């Protein structure tokens, strides 16, 4: 009895896998949700690039003003320099990530 049940169970699983992984099912292309996710990631990427440029400019400007109007306070000069360096590094990192993602997209397509 158990042997017949096991054989029937294996046959049913085989049929299910046969229909699920057939060429008709796999050659459809990207489903609609994948296209929506890809377009969402692209819009997020463009939004980050658009907002990072003014944010870096504000950070560099505030660091320069902090350094300029420190009136000889070494702590404020050091903080201003650190703010300028870190904001420029962050902006360069964002641009490098965009460059890497563009290279990967060109290799995939």
Protein backbone atom coordinates (compact mmCIF):
# COMPACT_ATOMS: atom_id res chain seq x y z
CA UNK A 1 0.00 0.00 0.00
CA UNK A 2 2.78 2.44 0.93
CA UNK A 3 4.73 1.48 -2.16
CA UNK A 4 1.81 2.29 -4.49
CA UNK A 5 1.21 5.59 -2.72
CA UNK A 6 4.89 6.48 -3.04
CA UNK A 7 4.97 5.65 -6.78
CA UNK A 8 1.81 7.69 -7.44
CA UNK A 9 3.25 10.58 -5.42
CA UNK A 10 6.50 10.51 -7.43
CA UNK A 11 4.58 10.43 -10.73
CA UNK A 12 2.43 13.40 -9.69
CA UNK A 13 5.53 15.37 -8.64
CA UNK A 14 7.21 14.54 -11.94
CA UNK A 15 4.20 15.79 -13.90
CA UNK A 16 4.04 19.00 -11.85
CA UNK A 17 7.75 19.70 -12.39
CA UNK A 18 7.42 18.84 -16.06
CA UNK A 19 4.71 21.44 -16.56
CA UNK A 20 6.30 24.06 -14.33
CA UNK A 21 9.74 23.95 -15.92
CA UNK A 22 8.78 23.45 -19.54
CA UNK A 23 10.12 25.69 -22.30
CA UNK A 24 6.76 27.40 -22.72
CA UNK A 25 6.79 28.52 -19.12
CA UNK A 26 10.44 29.63 -19.09
CA UNK A 27 10.58 31.46 -22.43
CA UNK A 28 7.93 34.05 -21.62
CA UNK A 29 10.49 36.72 -20.69
CA UNK A 30 10.55 39.10 -17.77
CA UNK A 31 7.31 39.12 -15.82
CA UNK A 32 5.53 42.38 -15.26
CA UNK A 33 6.63 42.63 -11.63
CA UNK A 34 10.30 42.35 -12.62
CA UNK A 35 9.85 45.20 -15.10
CA UNK A 36 8.20 47.29 -12.39
CA UNK A 37 11.03 46.55 -9.94
CA UNK A 38 13.67 47.40 -12.55
CA UNK A 39 11.97 50.69 -13.39
CA UNK A 40 11.62 51.46 -9.67
CA UNK A 41 15.33 50.89 -9.08
CA UNK A 42 16.19 53.07 -12.08
CA UNK A 43 14.01 55.90 -10.80
CA UNK A 44 15.53 55.58 -7.31
CA UNK A 45 19.01 55.68 -8.84
CA UNK A 46 18.24 58.81 -10.84
CA UNK A 47 16.65 60.44 -7.78
CA UNK A 48 19.75 59.72 -5.67
CA UNK A 49 22.00 61.23 -8.35
CA UNK A 50 19.80 64.31 -8.62
CA UNK A 51 19.74 64.91 -4.87
CA UNK A 52 23.40 64.08 -4.19
CA UNK A 53 24.83 66.96 -6.21
CA UNK A 54 23.11 69.76 -4.28
CA UNK A 55 23.66 67.91 -1.00
CA UNK A 56 27.40 67.69 -1.69
CA UNK A 57 27.49 71.35 -2.68
CA UNK A 58 25.74 72.38 0.54
CA UNK A 59 28.07 70.21 2.64
CA UNK A 60 31.19 71.61 0.96
CA UNK A 61 29.86 75.15 1.26
CA UNK A 62 29.03 74.77 4.95
CA UNK A 63 32.46 73.22 5.58
CA UNK A 64 34.13 76.11 3.77
CA UNK A 65 32.13 78.69 5.73
CA UNK A 66 32.89 76.85 8.97
CA UNK A 67 36.58 76.92 8.10
CA UNK A 68 36.47 80.57 6.96
CA UNK A 69 34.57 81.90 9.96
CA UNK A 70 36.33 79.85 12.62
CA UNK A 71 38.25 82.92 13.88
CA UNK A 72 41.32 80.84 14.67
CA UNK A 73 39.54 78.03 16.54
CA UNK A 74 41.48 74.88 15.64
CA UNK A 75 38.55 72.57 16.39
CA UNK A 76 36.25 74.37 13.94
CA UNK A 77 38.95 74.40 11.25
CA UNK A 78 39.46 70.66 11.70
CA UNK A 79 35.72 69.97 11.59
CA UNK A 80 35.36 72.13 8.45
CA UNK A 81 38.16 70.27 6.68
CA UNK A 82 36.70 66.93 7.74
CA UNK A 83 33.26 67.96 6.46
CA UNK A 84 34.66 69.01 3.09
CA UNK A 85 36.71 65.82 2.67
CA UNK A 86 33.90 63.50 3.72
CA UNK A 87 31.29 65.15 1.51
CA UNK A 88 33.58 65.04 -1.54
CA UNK A 89 34.43 61.40 -0.82
CA UNK A 90 30.73 60.53 -0.47
CA UNK A 91 29.84 62.27 -3.72
CA UNK A 92 32.70 60.51 -5.54
CA UNK A 93 31.51 57.20 -4.09
CA UNK A 94 27.98 57.79 -5.40
CA UNK A 95 29.30 58.66 -8.86
CA UNK A 96 31.54 55.58 -8.85
CA UNK A 97 28.59 53.36 -7.95
CA UNK A 98 26.61 54.87 -10.83
CA UNK A 99 29.52 54.19 -13.19
CA UNK A 100 29.81 50.58 -12.00
CA UNK A 101 26.06 49.98 -12.35
CA UNK A 102 26.09 51.44 -15.87
CA UNK A 103 28.97 49.13 -16.82
CA UNK A 104 27.13 46.12 -15.43
CA UNK A 105 23.95 47.08 -17.31
CA UNK A 106 25.88 47.39 -20.57
CA UNK A 107 27.45 43.97 -20.06
CA UNK A 108 24.12 42.31 -19.27
CA UNK A 109 22.21 43.72 -22.25
